[in-house]
């Protein structure tokens, strides 16, 4: 299931895209708390750790079959970041 998703920690948001939502959420959780991976220092992971590991995830757009994943996700992410939806 290809989708655009959002992670929210307090006032901070991260917009991402994936072909496998469940797998990607597990990877985020793993990377967030594993100091041995380079992603550990990402700002969103730092915010999650500062918030006692509490964060919210949601799918904000489901990509349609045959839809160009890369260009669609870039356009949709930009649109959400600019609050144009």
N, C-alpha and C. Protein backbone atom coordinates (compact mmCIF):
# COMPACT_ATOMS: atom_id res chain seq x y z
N UNK A 1 0.85 -1.17 0.00
CA UNK A 1 0.00 0.00 0.00
C UNK A 1 0.89 1.23 0.00
N UNK A 2 1.00 1.90 -1.11
CA UNK A 2 1.80 3.11 -1.23
C UNK A 2 1.01 4.29 -0.69
N UNK A 3 1.67 5.10 0.14
CA UNK A 3 0.96 6.22 0.75
C UNK A 3 1.92 7.32 1.16
N UNK A 4 1.33 8.46 1.45
CA UNK A 4 2.01 9.58 2.07
C UNK A 4 1.52 9.57 3.52
N UNK A 5 2.45 9.70 4.46
CA UNK A 5 2.06 9.65 5.87
C UNK A 5 2.66 10.83 6.62
N UNK A 6 2.13 11.05 7.81
CA UNK A 6 2.61 12.14 8.65
C UNK A 6 2.89 11.61 10.04
N UNK A 7 4.02 12.03 10.59
CA UNK A 7 4.34 11.76 11.99
C UNK A 7 4.26 13.10 12.71
N UNK A 8 3.51 13.13 13.81
CA UNK A 8 3.34 14.36 14.58
C UNK A 8 3.85 14.15 16.00
N UNK A 9 4.69 15.08 16.45
CA UNK A 9 5.20 15.09 17.81
C UNK A 9 5.02 16.51 18.32
N UNK A 10 4.00 16.72 19.15
CA UNK A 10 3.71 18.07 19.61
C UNK A 10 3.42 18.97 18.42
N UNK A 11 4.22 20.02 18.25
CA UNK A 11 4.05 20.97 17.15
C UNK A 11 4.86 20.57 15.91
N UNK A 12 5.72 19.57 16.03
CA UNK A 12 6.59 19.18 14.92
C UNK A 12 5.93 18.10 14.07
N UNK A 13 6.16 18.19 12.76
CA UNK A 13 5.59 17.21 11.82
C UNK A 13 6.66 16.74 10.85
N UNK A 14 6.52 15.50 10.44
CA UNK A 14 7.38 14.92 9.41
C UNK A 14 6.46 14.30 8.38
N UNK A 15 6.68 14.60 7.11
CA UNK A 15 5.90 14.02 6.03
C UNK A 15 6.80 13.05 5.28
N UNK A 16 6.32 11.83 5.08
CA UNK A 16 7.09 10.82 4.38
C UNK A 16 6.22 10.04 3.41
N UNK A 17 6.86 9.18 2.64
CA UNK A 17 6.12 8.30 1.72
C UNK A 17 6.73 6.91 1.79
N UNK A 18 5.91 5.92 1.49
CA UNK A 18 6.38 4.54 1.56
C UNK A 18 5.50 3.64 0.69
N UNK A 19 6.05 2.49 0.36
CA UNK A 19 5.28 1.46 -0.34
C UNK A 19 4.68 0.46 0.65
N UNK A 20 5.15 0.48 1.90
CA UNK A 20 4.67 -0.45 2.93
C UNK A 20 4.58 0.29 4.26
N UNK A 21 3.41 0.81 4.57
CA UNK A 21 3.20 1.66 5.74
C UNK A 21 3.59 0.97 7.04
N UNK A 22 3.10 -0.23 7.27
CA UNK A 22 3.38 -0.94 8.53
C UNK A 22 4.87 -1.17 8.72
N UNK A 23 5.53 -1.61 7.67
CA UNK A 23 6.98 -1.87 7.73
C UNK A 23 7.73 -0.57 8.00
N UNK A 24 7.32 0.52 7.35
CA UNK A 24 8.01 1.80 7.53
C UNK A 24 7.83 2.33 8.94
N UNK A 25 6.65 2.17 9.53
CA UNK A 25 6.43 2.65 10.89
C UNK A 25 7.30 1.87 11.88
N UNK A 26 7.44 0.57 11.65
CA UNK A 26 8.32 -0.24 12.51
C UNK A 26 9.77 0.21 12.38
N UNK A 27 10.17 0.57 11.15
CA UNK A 27 11.54 1.04 10.91
C UNK A 27 11.77 2.39 11.60
N UNK A 28 10.80 3.28 11.52
CA UNK A 28 10.92 4.56 12.23
C UNK A 28 11.12 4.32 13.72
N UNK A 29 10.31 3.46 14.30
CA UNK A 29 10.39 3.20 15.74
C UNK A 29 11.75 2.60 16.09
N UNK A 30 12.22 1.68 15.29
CA UNK A 30 13.52 1.04 15.53
C UNK A 30 14.65 2.07 15.43
N UNK A 31 14.66 2.85 14.35
CA UNK A 31 15.73 3.83 14.14
C UNK A 31 15.73 4.92 15.21
N UNK A 32 14.56 5.28 15.66
CA UNK A 32 14.42 6.35 16.65
C UNK A 32 15.17 6.03 17.94
N UNK A 33 15.14 4.77 18.34
CA UNK A 33 15.70 4.39 19.64
C UNK A 33 17.01 3.60 19.52
N UNK A 34 17.59 3.55 18.32
CA UNK A 34 18.84 2.80 18.11
C UNK A 34 19.99 3.77 17.81
N UNK A 35 20.83 4.05 18.82
CA UNK A 35 21.92 5.02 18.61
C UNK A 35 22.99 4.54 17.64
N UNK A 36 22.91 3.30 17.19
CA UNK A 36 23.91 2.75 16.27
C UNK A 36 23.58 3.00 14.80
N UNK A 37 22.43 3.60 14.50
CA UNK A 37 22.09 3.89 13.11
C UNK A 37 22.27 5.38 12.84
N UNK A 38 22.67 5.75 11.64
CA UNK A 38 22.89 7.18 11.33
C UNK A 38 21.61 8.02 11.48
N UNK A 39 20.46 7.43 11.26
CA UNK A 39 19.19 8.16 11.34
C UNK A 39 18.83 8.57 12.77
N UNK A 40 19.51 8.00 13.75
CA UNK A 40 19.21 8.27 15.16
C UNK A 40 19.17 9.77 15.45
N UNK A 41 19.98 10.54 14.77
CA UNK A 41 20.08 11.98 15.04
C UNK A 41 19.10 12.83 14.23
N UNK A 42 18.21 12.21 13.48
CA UNK A 42 17.20 12.98 12.75
C UNK A 42 16.41 13.83 13.75
N UNK A 43 16.03 15.02 13.33
CA UNK A 43 15.30 15.94 14.21
C UNK A 43 14.00 15.34 14.73
N UNK A 44 13.27 14.64 13.86
CA UNK A 44 11.99 14.08 14.29
C UNK A 44 12.20 13.00 15.35
N UNK A 45 13.26 12.22 15.22
CA UNK A 45 13.54 11.18 16.21
C UNK A 45 13.96 11.80 17.54
N UNK A 46 14.72 12.86 17.47
CA UNK A 46 15.11 13.58 18.69
C UNK A 46 13.85 14.10 19.41
N UNK A 47 12.93 14.66 18.63
CA UNK A 47 11.68 15.17 19.20
C UNK A 47 10.87 14.04 19.84
N UNK A 48 10.83 12.88 19.20
CA UNK A 48 10.09 11.74 19.76
C UNK A 48 10.71 11.31 21.08
N UNK A 49 12.03 11.22 21.12
CA UNK A 49 12.70 10.81 22.37
C UNK A 49 12.47 11.84 23.47
N UNK A 50 12.50 13.12 23.11
CA UNK A 50 12.23 14.18 24.11
C UNK A 50 10.80 14.14 24.62
N UNK A 51 9.90 13.57 23.82
CA UNK A 51 8.48 13.49 24.18
C UNK A 51 8.15 12.12 24.77
N UNK A 52 9.13 11.49 25.40
CA UNK A 52 8.97 10.18 26.05
C UNK A 52 8.47 9.11 25.10
N UNK A 53 8.84 9.20 23.83
CA UNK A 53 8.48 8.19 22.85
C UNK A 53 7.05 8.29 22.34
N UNK A 54 6.36 9.36 22.70
CA UNK A 54 4.96 9.53 22.29
C UNK A 54 4.90 10.33 20.98
N UNK A 55 4.21 9.74 19.99
CA UNK A 55 4.01 10.42 18.71
C UNK A 55 2.79 9.82 18.03
N UNK A 56 2.30 10.53 17.03
CA UNK A 56 1.10 10.11 16.30
C UNK A 56 1.47 9.93 14.84
N UNK A 57 0.96 8.87 14.22
CA UNK A 57 1.16 8.67 12.78
C UNK A 57 -0.20 8.57 12.11
N UNK A 58 -0.24 9.04 10.87
CA UNK A 58 -1.48 8.90 10.10
C UNK A 58 -1.17 8.91 8.61
N UNK A 59 -1.98 8.17 7.88
CA UNK A 59 -1.90 8.19 6.42
C UNK A 59 -2.67 9.41 5.96
N UNK A 60 -2.03 10.24 5.15
CA UNK A 60 -2.71 11.44 4.69
C UNK A 60 -3.11 11.36 3.22
N UNK A 61 -2.55 10.39 2.49
CA UNK A 61 -2.94 10.20 1.09
C UNK A 61 -2.55 8.81 0.63
N UNK A 62 -3.48 8.11 0.02
CA UNK A 62 -3.21 6.80 -0.56
C UNK A 62 -2.93 6.98 -2.04
N UNK A 63 -1.77 6.50 -2.49
CA UNK A 63 -1.43 6.58 -3.91
C UNK A 63 -2.24 5.54 -4.68
N UNK A 64 -2.74 5.92 -5.82
CA UNK A 64 -3.54 5.03 -6.65
C UNK A 64 -2.62 4.09 -7.44
N UNK A 65 -3.12 2.90 -7.73
CA UNK A 65 -2.35 1.95 -8.53
C UNK A 65 -2.02 2.58 -9.88
N UNK A 66 -0.77 2.48 -10.28
CA UNK A 66 -0.33 3.04 -11.54
C UNK A 66 0.11 4.49 -11.43
N UNK A 67 -0.17 5.12 -10.29
CA UNK A 67 0.24 6.50 -10.09
C UNK A 67 1.76 6.54 -9.90
N UNK A 68 2.41 7.50 -10.53
CA UNK A 68 3.86 7.64 -10.42
C UNK A 68 4.21 8.00 -8.98
N UNK A 69 4.72 7.03 -8.24
CA UNK A 69 4.96 7.19 -6.81
C UNK A 69 5.88 8.35 -6.49
N UNK A 70 7.01 8.44 -7.17
CA UNK A 70 7.99 9.46 -6.84
C UNK A 70 7.47 10.88 -7.09
N UNK A 71 6.96 11.14 -8.29
CA UNK A 71 6.50 12.51 -8.57
C UNK A 71 5.24 12.84 -7.77
N UNK A 72 4.35 11.87 -7.59
CA UNK A 72 3.14 12.11 -6.82
C UNK A 72 3.49 12.42 -5.37
N UNK A 73 4.39 11.64 -4.80
CA UNK A 73 4.73 11.86 -3.39
C UNK A 73 5.42 13.21 -3.20
N UNK A 74 6.26 13.61 -4.13
CA UNK A 74 6.90 14.93 -4.02
C UNK A 74 5.87 16.04 -4.09
N UNK A 75 4.95 15.95 -5.03
CA UNK A 75 3.91 16.98 -5.17
C UNK A 75 3.01 17.03 -3.95
N UNK A 76 2.61 15.87 -3.46
CA UNK A 76 1.69 15.81 -2.33
C UNK A 76 2.38 16.29 -1.06
N UNK A 77 3.63 15.86 -0.85
CA UNK A 77 4.38 16.33 0.33
C UNK A 77 4.50 17.85 0.31
N UNK A 78 4.86 18.39 -0.84
CA UNK A 78 5.00 19.84 -0.96
C UNK A 78 3.68 20.52 -0.66
N UNK A 79 2.60 19.98 -1.16
CA UNK A 79 1.28 20.56 -0.94
C UNK A 79 0.93 20.57 0.56
N UNK A 80 1.17 19.47 1.25
CA UNK A 80 0.88 19.41 2.68
C UNK A 80 1.78 20.35 3.47
N UNK A 81 3.05 20.42 3.09
CA UNK A 81 3.97 21.31 3.78
C UNK A 81 3.57 22.76 3.64
N UNK A 82 2.97 23.10 2.51
CA UNK A 82 2.52 24.47 2.26
C UNK A 82 1.08 24.70 2.69
N UNK A 83 0.47 23.66 3.28
CA UNK A 83 -0.92 23.74 3.75
C UNK A 83 -1.89 24.15 2.67
N UNK A 84 -1.73 23.57 1.48
CA UNK A 84 -2.62 23.96 0.37
C UNK A 84 -3.75 22.96 0.16
N UNK A 85 -3.96 22.06 1.10
CA UNK A 85 -5.06 21.10 0.97
C UNK A 85 -6.10 21.38 2.03
